């Protein structure tokens, strides 16, 4: 167990993301087949919170690392926490926003190599995979159940508030939460953090609004068939 929760890094290590992506597709197909199970979504949401808690408790063992990377200020972590809170509080618009963010965040996360610097298996790379699997499943189930529509203005304002808070904390703590200050592309090195935050806010808002458009088209097709 000490090896699994170690803090001494092994260097950059990326496991085979092809298997991870294939596993995600299979997992989502299973979840879709079981989508009508009464307690499935609640179970997934509780699992998401437990996984978040496990990872945060590991970060909390190293204060500097916790401040640098451990605070839940990455968009997937925010979505994982807020989608559960909004669901249990029955806040459907907030729920819909973070479900969309969950779908987008997982898609982006799995499009790049695993950022963990620990050789598999370790708490970071194991929760990286399982957290995103569960997060994507929660997002999908909520999108299937929640008929709430979001306007672009609502999406943009919510995204701007979240990213502004993250930027303020960056300026205080000097940590690149959610890649809002420095993106992993050398061409943009030296770009102002405010410009990057504004650009990311616009891109995120557009992506979430696109998900809303796709959901609406799917609902309309289903309505026509019925």
Protein backbone atom coordinates (compact mmCIF):
# COMPACT_ATOMS: atom_id res chain seq x y z
CA UNK A 1 0.00 0.00 0.00
CA UNK A 2 2.92 2.33 0.73
CA UNK A 3 4.12 1.86 -2.86
CA UNK A 4 0.63 2.61 -4.21
CA UNK A 5 0.43 5.88 -2.23
CA UNK A 6 4.09 6.92 -2.62
CA UNK A 7 5.06 10.55 -3.29
CA UNK A 8 8.48 9.91 -4.88
CA UNK A 9 7.96 10.26 -8.64
CA UNK A 10 9.24 7.83 -11.25
CA UNK A 11 9.52 10.39 -14.05
CA UNK A 12 7.19 10.84 -17.00
CA UNK A 13 5.23 7.67 -17.74
CA UNK A 14 2.32 7.18 -20.11
CA UNK A 15 0.41 3.89 -20.19
CA UNK A 16 -1.33 2.72 -23.36
CA UNK A 17 -4.15 5.21 -23.87
CA UNK A 18 -5.64 3.09 -26.68
CA UNK A 19 -6.69 0.47 -24.13
CA UNK A 20 -7.98 3.19 -21.80
CA UNK A 21 -10.14 4.69 -24.57
CA UNK A 22 -11.41 1.27 -25.65
CA UNK A 23 -12.25 0.48 -22.03
CA UNK A 24 -14.19 3.76 -21.78
CA UNK A 25 -16.31 2.88 -24.82
CA UNK A 26 -17.11 -0.58 -23.41
CA UNK A 27 -17.88 0.89 -19.98
CA UNK A 28 -20.25 3.50 -21.44
CA UNK A 29 -22.04 0.87 -23.53
CA UNK A 30 -22.64 -1.17 -20.37
CA UNK A 31 -23.85 1.90 -18.47
CA UNK A 32 -26.17 2.81 -21.35
CA UNK A 33 -27.69 -0.67 -21.29
CA UNK A 34 -28.31 -0.28 -17.55
CA UNK A 35 -29.47 3.35 -17.77
CA UNK A 36 -32.99 2.62 -16.52
CA UNK A 37 -31.77 1.06 -13.27
CA UNK A 38 -33.20 3.22 -10.51
CA UNK A 39 -30.10 3.71 -8.36
CA UNK A 40 -27.45 3.60 -11.11
CA UNK A 41 -26.89 7.36 -11.41
CA UNK A 42 -26.89 7.91 -7.64
CA UNK A 43 -24.34 5.10 -7.28
CA UNK A 44 -22.12 6.60 -9.97
CA UNK A 45 -22.28 10.06 -8.36
CA UNK A 46 -21.39 8.72 -4.92
CA UNK A 47 -18.55 6.70 -6.46
CA UNK A 48 -17.29 9.88 -8.14
CA UNK A 49 -17.18 11.72 -4.81
CA UNK A 50 -15.40 8.80 -3.11
CA UNK A 51 -12.75 8.70 -5.85
CA UNK A 52 -12.27 12.46 -5.58
CA UNK A 53 -11.85 12.07 -1.82
CA UNK A 54 -9.23 9.32 -2.20
CA UNK A 55 -7.15 11.43 -4.59
CA UNK A 56 -7.45 14.60 -2.50
CA UNK A 57 -6.47 12.71 0.66
CA UNK A 58 -3.28 11.56 -1.12
CA UNK A 59 -2.47 15.12 -2.19
CA UNK A 60 -3.12 16.32 1.37
CA UNK A 61 -0.17 14.20 2.59
CA UNK A 62 2.19 16.66 0.86
CA UNK A 63 1.20 20.30 1.48
CA UNK A 64 3.29 21.81 -1.34
CA UNK A 65 1.99 19.27 -3.84
CA UNK A 66 -1.56 19.84 -2.61
CA UNK A 67 -1.27 23.58 -3.30
CA UNK A 68 0.44 23.04 -6.66
CA UNK A 69 -1.79 20.28 -8.07
CA UNK A 70 -4.16 18.93 -5.46
CA UNK A 71 -6.78 21.63 -5.06
CA UNK A 72 -9.97 20.65 -6.94
CA UNK A 73 -9.57 23.51 -9.42
CA UNK A 74 -9.21 21.44 -12.55
CA UNK A 75 -12.37 21.41 -14.61
CA UNK A 76 -12.90 17.65 -14.47
CA UNK A 77 -12.54 17.67 -10.68
CA UNK A 78 -14.90 20.62 -10.40
CA UNK A 79 -17.39 18.78 -12.63
CA UNK A 80 -17.01 15.56 -10.63
CA UNK A 81 -17.86 17.35 -7.38
CA UNK A 82 -20.47 19.81 -8.65
CA UNK A 83 -22.45 17.37 -10.78
CA UNK A 84 -23.08 15.28 -7.65
CA UNK A 85 -23.90 18.27 -5.44
CA UNK A 86 -26.26 19.81 -8.00
CA UNK A 87 -28.00 16.47 -8.58
CA UNK A 88 -28.69 15.80 -4.92
CA UNK A 89 -29.80 19.44 -4.43
CA UNK A 90 -32.05 19.08 -7.51
CA UNK A 91 -30.51 22.13 -9.26
CA UNK A 92 -31.22 21.03 -12.81
CA UNK A 93 -29.57 23.88 -14.74
CA UNK A 94 -26.34 23.60 -12.76
CA UNK A 95 -26.57 19.83 -13.11
CA UNK A 96 -26.91 20.13 -16.88
CA UNK A 97 -23.94 22.51 -17.17
CA UNK A 98 -21.57 20.26 -15.22
CA UNK A 99 -22.81 17.14 -17.01
CA UNK A 100 -21.86 18.79 -20.31
CA UNK A 101 -18.51 19.82 -18.82
CA UNK A 102 -17.97 16.22 -17.68
CA UNK A 103 -18.40 14.93 -21.23
CA UNK A 104 -16.07 17.55 -22.71
CA UNK A 105 -13.47 17.29 -19.94
CA UNK A 106 -13.16 13.51 -20.21
CA UNK A 107 -12.96 13.64 -24.00
CA UNK A 108 -10.10 16.15 -23.80
CA UNK A 109 -8.35 14.32 -20.95
CA UNK A 110 -8.29 11.06 -22.89
CA UNK A 111 -7.10 12.73 -26.09
CA UNK A 112 -3.67 13.36 -24.54
CA UNK A 113 -1.21 11.05 -22.72
CA UNK A 114 -1.66 10.44 -19.01
CA UNK A 115 0.10 13.32 -17.16
CA UNK A 116 0.98 11.21 -14.11
CA UNK A 117 4.69 10.94 -13.25
CA UNK A 118 4.20 7.62 -11.46
CA UNK A 119 4.58 4.15 -12.92
CA UNK A 120 1.30 2.19 -13.03
CA UNK A 121 -0.26 1.25 -10.70
CA UNK A 122 -0.37 4.32 -8.48
CA UNK A 123 -3.22 6.21 -6.86
CA UNK A 124 -2.83 9.08 -9.36
CA UNK A 125 -3.01 7.09 -12.59
CA UNK A 126 -5.60 4.64 -11.29
CA UNK A 127 -7.93 7.44 -10.18
CA UNK A 128 -7.15 9.31 -13.41
CA UNK A 129 -8.74 6.47 -15.36
CA UNK A 130 -11.54 5.50 -12.99
CA UNK A 131 -12.50 9.11 -12.17
CA UNK A 132 -12.89 9.95 -15.84
CA UNK A 133 -14.79 6.73 -16.57
CA UNK A 134 -17.28 7.47 -13.80
CA UNK A 135 -17.42 11.18 -14.67
CA UNK A 136 -18.25 10.43 -18.32
CA UNK A 137 -20.91 7.93 -17.23
CA UNK A 138 -22.49 10.48 -14.87
CA UNK A 139 -22.48 13.12 -17.61
CA UNK A 140 -24.09 10.73 -20.08
CA UNK A 141 -26.80 9.57 -17.66
CA UNK A 142 -27.71 13.12 -16.65
CA UNK A 143 -27.86 14.24 -20.28
CA UNK A 144 -30.26 11.36 -20.96
CA UNK A 145 -32.49 12.19 -17.97
CA UNK A 146 -32.24 15.96 -17.64
CA UNK A 147 -34.27 17.89 -20.24
CA UNK A 148 -33.12 21.32 -19.02
CA UNK A 149 -31.89 23.62 -21.81
CA UNK A 150 -29.04 26.08 -21.37
CA UNK A 151 -28.66 29.33 -23.29
CA UNK A 152 -25.23 30.43 -24.49
CA UNK A 153 -25.34 33.46 -22.19
CA UNK A 154 -25.86 31.23 -19.15
CA UNK A 155 -23.07 28.92 -20.24
CA UNK A 156 -20.63 31.76 -20.88
CA UNK A 157 -21.34 33.53 -17.58
CA UNK A 158 -20.98 30.31 -15.56
CA UNK A 159 -17.74 29.44 -17.33
CA UNK A 160 -16.40 32.99 -16.87
CA UNK A 161 -17.12 32.92 -13.12
CA UNK A 162 -15.42 29.52 -12.67
CA UNK A 163 -12.36 30.52 -14.71
CA UNK A 164 -12.10 33.90 -12.98
CA UNK A 165 -11.95 32.20 -9.59
CA UNK A 166 -9.30 29.79 -10.87
CA UNK A 167 -7.26 32.69 -12.32
CA UNK A 168 -7.44 34.66 -9.05
CA UNK A 169 -6.19 31.64 -7.11
CA UNK A 170 -3.41 31.16 -9.67
CA UNK A 171 -2.24 34.72 -9.14
CA UNK A 172 -2.20 34.01 -5.40
CA UNK A 173 -0.73 30.49 -5.41
CA UNK A 174 1.20 30.36 -8.72
CA UNK A 175 -0.31 27.03 -9.82
CA UNK A 176 -1.49 26.31 -13.36
CA UNK A 177 -4.92 24.96 -12.49
CA UNK A 178 -6.96 23.77 -15.47
CA UNK A 179 -4.32 25.01 -17.97
CA UNK A 180 -5.82 28.49 -17.77
CA UNK A 181 -2.46 30.20 -17.45
CA UNK A 182 -0.12 28.08 -19.56
CA UNK A 183 -1.21 25.55 -22.16
CA UNK A 184 1.01 22.53 -22.99
CA UNK A 185 1.84 23.95 -26.44
CA UNK A 186 5.25 25.63 -26.82
CA UNK A 187 3.96 28.14 -29.40
CA UNK A 188 1.90 29.90 -26.72
CA UNK A 189 4.73 30.19 -24.17
CA UNK A 190 4.89 33.74 -22.81
CA UNK A 191 1.24 34.54 -23.62
CA UNK A 192 -0.51 36.61 -20.97
CA UNK A 193 -2.45 34.49 -18.43
CA UNK A 194 -5.46 36.79 -18.87
CA UNK A 195 -5.49 36.25 -22.65
CA UNK A 196 -5.23 32.47 -22.20
CA UNK A 197 -8.04 32.53 -19.62
CA UNK A 198 -10.27 34.57 -21.94
CA UNK A 199 -9.52 32.27 -24.88
CA UNK A 200 -10.14 29.14 -22.81
CA UNK A 201 -13.40 30.61 -21.49
CA UNK A 202 -14.61 31.23 -25.02
CA UNK A 203 -13.56 27.77 -26.23
CA UNK A 204 -15.13 26.02 -23.24
CA UNK A 205 -18.37 27.97 -23.61
CA UNK A 206 -18.55 27.14 -27.30
CA UNK A 207 -17.89 23.44 -26.65
CA UNK A 208 -20.57 23.23 -23.95
CA UNK A 209 -23.05 25.06 -26.17
CA UNK A 210 -22.27 22.59 -28.97
CA UNK A 211 -23.15 19.74 -26.60
CA UNK A 212 -26.45 21.52 -25.88
CA UNK A 213 -27.18 21.76 -29.61
CA UNK A 214 -26.41 18.06 -30.12
CA UNK A 215 -28.62 17.09 -27.17
CA UNK A 216 -31.49 19.17 -28.57
CA UNK A 217 -31.17 17.53 -32.00
CA UNK A 218 -31.23 14.07 -30.41
CA UNK A 219 -34.31 14.96 -28.36
CA UNK A 220 -36.09 16.27 -31.45
CA UNK A 221 -35.31 13.09 -33.40
CA UNK A 222 -36.63 10.97 -30.55
CA UNK A 223 -39.78 13.10 -30.36
CA UNK A 224 -40.41 12.62 -34.09
CA UNK A 225 -39.95 8.82 -33.81
CA UNK A 226 -42.38 8.68 -30.88
